[in-house]
Amino acid sequence: MGNWIDYEPYKDRSSAEFRAKREMSGLSLYDVAQDLKVSVSTVKRWENPKYFPPSPAAWQYIDQVYATHLMSVDKTLDRMLEGHKDGEPIAVTWCRNGMGASDADVGRFNAVSRAVAEALIQLGHDVTFRWIDPEAEETQRAATSSFYRTIDPDANI
């Protein structure tokens, strides 16, 4: 019978959707390739409408990552608005490369921060940005690593 793959559930999905979800989730081509154990050129072809579409496993992966991203944005936004005093700016934390977290973790962390900042601005809040506190680097590195590397949309954050 062979290794037939059922693309039917994914036939109406576009390479643009795959790329948009990857970028909005803060993932590089390399991050996706590494996580799915394929080459970067394979991921590039998935995102080019002239080539073959992403595999069902790739769609499941990107959907899980994107769902986790959206959940992270919602929970982070809720936490930031909790106890916030009207009229005070809200500080959004930004992560730098080289603080002990992987580039993929930094990308995911900053993608959430960007989406949260955009939501806060749309809600009419003043937003400021700050770097992760170097004094709390170890704790934040552990939190960033454990949280942003998960692709479990049911993760308890």
C-alpha atoms as a PDB file:
ATOM      1  CA  MET A   1       0.000   0.000   0.000  1.00  0.00           C
ATOM      2  CA  GLY A   2       2.969   2.376   0.493  1.00  0.00           C
ATOM      3  CA  ASN A   3       3.324   5.584   2.479  1.00  0.00           C
ATOM      4  CA  TRP A   4       0.282   7.443   1.219  1.00  0.00           C
ATOM      5  CA  ILE A   5      -0.352  10.722   3.050  1.00  0.00           C
ATOM      6  CA  ASP A   6      -3.859  12.202   3.236  1.00  0.00           C
ATOM      7  CA  TYR A   7      -3.583  15.869   2.230  1.00  0.00           C
ATOM      8  CA  GLU A   8      -7.363  16.254   1.844  1.00  0.00           C
ATOM      9  CA  PRO A   9      -7.985  18.038   5.192  1.00  0.00           C
ATOM     10  CA  TYR A  10      -5.270  20.577   4.281  1.00  0.00           C
ATOM     11  CA  LYS A  11      -5.996  21.120   0.572  1.00  0.00           C
ATOM     12  CA  ASP A  12      -7.653  24.528   1.028  1.00  0.00           C
ATOM     13  CA  ARG A  13      -4.897  25.954   3.226  1.00  0.00           C
ATOM     14  CA  SER A  14      -2.293  28.210   1.685  1.00  0.00           C
ATOM     15  CA  SER A  15       1.446  28.503   1.972  1.00  0.00           C
ATOM     16  CA  ALA A  16       0.809  32.127   2.978  1.00  0.00           C
ATOM     17  CA  GLU A  17      -1.164  30.926   6.011  1.00  0.00           C
ATOM     18  CA  PHE A  18       1.684  28.633   7.025  1.00  0.00           C
ATOM     19  CA  ARG A  19       4.246  31.430   6.759  1.00  0.00           C
ATOM     20  CA  ALA A  20       2.032  33.973   8.527  1.00  0.00           C
ATOM     21  CA  LYS A  21       1.455  31.641  11.478  1.00  0.00           C
ATOM     22  CA  ARG A  22       5.175  30.862  11.665  1.00  0.00           C
ATOM     23  CA  GLU A  23       6.189  34.522  11.634  1.00  0.00           C
ATOM     24  CA  MET A  24       3.432  35.677  14.005  1.00  0.00           C
ATOM     25  CA  SER A  25       4.540  32.953  16.431  1.00  0.00           C
ATOM     26  CA  GLY A  26       8.110  34.254  16.330  1.00  0.00           C
ATOM     27  CA  LEU A  27       9.650  31.235  14.607  1.00  0.00           C
ATOM     28  CA  SER A  28      12.429  31.351  12.062  1.00  0.00           C
ATOM     29  CA  LEU A  29      12.694  28.976   9.119  1.00  0.00           C
ATOM     30  CA  TYR A  30      15.491  27.267  11.037  1.00  0.00           C
ATOM     31  CA  ASP A  31      13.319  26.822  14.151  1.00  0.00           C
ATOM     32  CA  VAL A  32      10.610  25.023  12.166  1.00  0.00           C
ATOM     33  CA  ALA A  33      13.140  22.916  10.279  1.00  0.00           C
ATOM     34  CA  GLN A  34      14.872  21.899  13.499  1.00  0.00           C
ATOM     35  CA  ASP A  35      11.624  21.062  15.307  1.00  0.00           C
ATOM     36  CA  LEU A  36      10.265  19.012  12.378  1.00  0.00           C
ATOM     37  CA  LYS A  37      13.644  17.462  11.505  1.00  0.00           C
ATOM     38  CA  VAL A  38      13.584  18.698   7.904  1.00  0.00           C
ATOM     39  CA  SER A  39      15.871  21.043   5.988  1.00  0.00           C
ATOM     40  CA  VAL A  40      15.420  24.806   5.884  1.00  0.00           C
ATOM     41  CA  SER A  41      14.946  24.498   2.111  1.00  0.00           C
ATOM     42  CA  THR A  42      11.980  22.168   2.723  1.00  0.00           C
ATOM     43  CA  VAL A  43      10.317  24.789   4.938  1.00  0.00           C
ATOM     44  CA  LYS A  44      11.045  27.457   2.294  1.00  0.00           C
ATOM     45  CA  ARG A  45       9.342  25.277  -0.336  1.00  0.00           C
ATOM     46  CA  TRP A  46       6.309  24.814   1.928  1.00  0.00           C
ATOM     47  CA  GLU A  47       5.993  28.606   2.054  1.00  0.00           C
ATOM     48  CA  ASN A  48       6.296  29.011  -1.714  1.00  0.00           C
ATOM     49  CA  PRO A  49       3.035  28.434  -3.608  1.00  0.00           C
ATOM     50  CA  LYS A  50       4.969  27.049  -6.602  1.00  0.00           C
ATOM     51  CA  TYR A  51       6.076  23.986  -4.642  1.00  0.00           C
ATOM     52  CA  PHE A  52       4.471  21.155  -2.714  1.00  0.00           C
ATOM     53  CA  PRO A  53       2.326  22.031   0.300  1.00  0.00           C
ATOM     54  CA  PRO A  54       3.328  21.500   3.927  1.00  0.00           C
ATOM     55  CA  SER A  55       2.837  17.961   5.162  1.00  0.00           C
ATOM     56  CA  PRO A  56      -0.061  17.172   7.505  1.00  0.00           C
ATOM     57  CA  ALA A  57       2.479  16.852  10.344  1.00  0.00           C
ATOM     58  CA  ALA A  58       3.811  20.334   9.519  1.00  0.00           C
ATOM     59  CA  TRP A  59       0.274  21.771   9.566  1.00  0.00           C
ATOM     60  CA  GLN A  60      -0.443  20.124  12.915  1.00  0.00           C
ATOM     61  CA  TYR A  61       2.814  21.511  14.310  1.00  0.00           C
ATOM     62  CA  ILE A  62       2.254  25.092  13.092  1.00  0.00           C
ATOM     63  CA  ASP A  63      -1.367  25.027  14.278  1.00  0.00           C
ATOM     64  CA  GLN A  64      -0.255  23.914  17.763  1.00  0.00           C
ATOM     65  CA  VAL A  65       2.504  26.513  17.931  1.00  0.00           C
ATOM     66  CA  TYR A  66       0.135  29.262  16.786  1.00  0.00           C
ATOM     67  CA  ALA A  67      -2.603  28.173  19.231  1.00  0.00           C
ATOM     68  CA  THR A  68      -0.040  28.282  22.048  1.00  0.00           C
ATOM     69  CA  HIS A  69       1.052  31.733  20.875  1.00  0.00           C
ATOM     70  CA  LEU A  70      -2.528  33.056  20.946  1.00  0.00           C
ATOM     71  CA  MET A  71      -3.140  31.521  24.372  1.00  0.00           C
ATOM     72  CA  SER A  72       0.085  33.091  25.636  1.00  0.00           C
ATOM     73  CA  VAL A  73      -0.968  36.493  24.327  1.00  0.00           C
ATOM     74  CA  ASP A  74      -4.378  36.231  26.021  1.00  0.00           C
ATOM     75  CA  LYS A  75      -2.971  35.104  29.363  1.00  0.00           C
ATOM     76  CA  THR A  76      -0.159  37.669  29.308  1.00  0.00           C
ATOM     77  CA  LEU A  77      -2.586  40.455  28.437  1.00  0.00           C
ATOM     78  CA  ASP A  78      -4.912  39.407  31.263  1.00  0.00           C
ATOM     79  CA  ARG A  79      -2.011  39.365  33.751  1.00  0.00           C
ATOM     80  CA  MET A  80      -0.797  42.789  32.647  1.00  0.00           C
ATOM     81  CA  LEU A  81      -4.239  44.365  32.938  1.00  0.00           C
ATOM     82  CA  GLU A  82      -4.891  42.795  36.351  1.00  0.00           C
ATOM     83  CA  GLY A  83      -4.476  45.496  38.959  1.00  0.00           C
ATOM     84  CA  HIS A  84      -3.383  48.076  36.398  1.00  0.00           C
ATOM     85  CA  LYS A  85      -4.132  51.651  37.417  1.00  0.00           C
ATOM     86  CA  ASP A  86      -5.756  53.780  34.737  1.00  0.00           C
ATOM     87  CA  GLY A  87      -3.488  56.434  33.308  1.00  0.00           C
ATOM     88  CA  GLU A  88      -0.257  54.602  34.123  1.00  0.00           C
ATOM     89  CA  PRO A  89       1.788  53.208  31.230  1.00  0.00           C
ATOM     90  CA  ILE A  90       2.147  49.454  30.990  1.00  0.00           C
ATOM     91  CA  ALA A  91       5.701  48.127  30.624  1.00  0.00           C
ATOM     92  CA  VAL A  92       6.096  45.288  28.132  1.00  0.00           C
ATOM     93  CA  THR A  93       9.183  43.127  28.578  1.00  0.00           C
ATOM     94  CA  TRP A  94      11.480  42.466  25.635  1.00  0.00           C
ATOM     95  CA  CYS A  95      14.102  39.712  25.562  1.00  0.00           C
ATOM     96  CA  ARG A  96      17.605  40.028  24.095  1.00  0.00           C
ATOM     97  CA  ASN A  97      19.546  37.253  22.422  1.00  0.00           C
ATOM     98  CA  GLY A  98      22.493  36.053  24.439  1.00  0.00           C
ATOM     99  CA  MET A  99      20.750  36.019  27.818  1.00  0.00           C
ATOM    100  CA  GLY A 100      20.870  32.246  28.047  1.00  0.00           C
ATOM    101  CA  ALA A 101      17.658  31.477  26.168  1.00  0.00           C
ATOM    102  CA  SER A 102      17.788  29.950  22.686  1.00  0.00           C
ATOM    103  CA  ASP A 103      17.092  32.168  19.675  1.00  0.00           C
ATOM    104  CA  ALA A 104      13.815  30.272  19.180  1.00  0.00           C
ATOM    105  CA  ASP A 105      12.752  31.023  22.761  1.00  0.00           C
ATOM    106  CA  VAL A 106      13.646  34.695  22.328  1.00  0.00           C
ATOM    107  CA  GLY A 107      11.698  34.834  19.062  1.00  0.00           C
ATOM    108  CA  ARG A 108       8.602  33.306  20.650  1.00  0.00           C
ATOM    109  CA  PHE A 109       8.867  35.485  23.750  1.00  0.00           C
ATOM    110  CA  ASN A 110       9.167  38.677  21.710  1.00  0.00           C
ATOM    111  CA  ALA A 111       6.333  37.628  19.375  1.00  0.00           C
ATOM    112  CA  VAL A 112       4.039  37.421  22.418  1.00  0.00           C
ATOM    113  CA  SER A 113       5.353  40.746  23.734  1.00  0.00           C
ATOM    114  CA  ARG A 114       4.746  42.391  20.346  1.00  0.00           C
ATOM    115  CA  ALA A 115       1.169  41.080  20.114  1.00  0.00           C
ATOM    116  CA  VAL A 116       0.447  42.114  23.715  1.00  0.00           C
ATOM    117  CA  ALA A 117       1.820  45.615  23.091  1.00  0.00           C
ATOM    118  CA  GLU A 118      -0.322  45.980  19.959  1.00  0.00           C
ATOM    119  CA  ALA A 119      -3.422  44.853  21.866  1.00  0.00           C
ATOM    120  CA  LEU A 120      -2.719  47.251  24.733  1.00  0.00           C
ATOM    121  CA  ILE A 121      -2.276  50.143  22.313  1.00  0.00           C
ATOM    122  CA  GLN A 122      -5.552  49.260  20.567  1.00  0.00           C
ATOM    123  CA  LEU A 123      -7.235  49.263  23.979  1.00  0.00           C
ATOM    124  CA  GLY A 124      -5.961  52.817  24.483  1.00  0.00           C
ATOM    125  CA  HIS A 125      -3.146  52.147  26.964  1.00  0.00           C
ATOM    126  CA  ASP A 126       0.245  53.832  26.924  1.00  0.00           C
ATOM    127  CA  VAL A 127       2.946  51.213  26.463  1.00  0.00           C
ATOM    128  CA  THR A 128       6.618  51.330  27.366  1.00  0.00           C
ATOM    129  CA  PHE A 129       9.212  48.664  26.737  1.00  0.00           C
ATOM    130  CA  ARG A 130      11.905  47.271  29.001  1.00  0.00           C
ATOM    131  CA  TRP A 131      14.541  44.586  28.746  1.00  0.00           C
ATOM    132  CA  ILE A 132      14.355  41.467  30.859  1.00  0.00           C
ATOM    133  CA  ASP A 133      15.989  42.277  34.185  1.00  0.00           C
ATOM    134  CA  PRO A 134      19.551  40.859  34.148  1.00  0.00           C
ATOM    135  CA  GLU A 135      19.322  40.365  37.945  1.00  0.00           C
ATOM    136  CA  ALA A 136      16.480  37.924  37.409  1.00  0.00           C
ATOM    137  CA  GLU A 137      18.072  36.313  34.362  1.00  0.00           C
ATOM    138  CA  GLU A 138      18.235  32.739  35.721  1.00  0.00           C
ATOM    139  CA  THR A 139      14.581  32.671  36.783  1.00  0.00           C
ATOM    140  CA  GLN A 140      13.414  34.322  33.584  1.00  0.00           C
ATOM    141  CA  ARG A 141      15.577  32.075  31.429  1.00  0.00           C
ATOM    142  CA  ALA A 142      14.013  29.013  33.045  1.00  0.00           C
ATOM    143  CA  ALA A 143      10.504  30.406  32.625  1.00  0.00           C
ATOM    144  CA  THR A 144      11.140  31.425  29.030  1.00  0.00           C
ATOM    145  CA  SER A 145      12.658  28.085  28.159  1.00  0.00           C
ATOM    146  CA  SER A 146       9.975  25.940  29.747  1.00  0.00           C
ATOM    147  CA  PHE A 147       7.073  28.055  28.553  1.00  0.00           C
ATOM    148  CA  TYR A 148       7.931  29.178  25.053  1.00  0.00           C
ATOM    149  CA  ARG A 149       9.298  25.844  23.873  1.00  0.00           C
ATOM    150  CA  THR A 150       6.044  24.081  24.606  1.00  0.00           C
ATOM    151  CA  ILE A 151       3.577  23.491  21.823  1.00  0.00           C
ATOM    152  CA  ASP A 152       0.878  22.117  24.112  1.00  0.00           C
ATOM    153  CA  PRO A 153      -2.138  24.415  23.755  1.00  0.00           C
ATOM    154  CA  ASP A 154      -3.486  23.021  27.050  1.00  0.00           C
ATOM    155  CA  ALA A 155      -0.363  24.008  28.993  1.00  0.00           C
ATOM    156  CA  ASN A 156      -1.191  25.472  32.372  1.00  0.00           C
ATOM    157  CA  ILE A 157       0.549  28.846  32.458  1.00  0.00           C
END
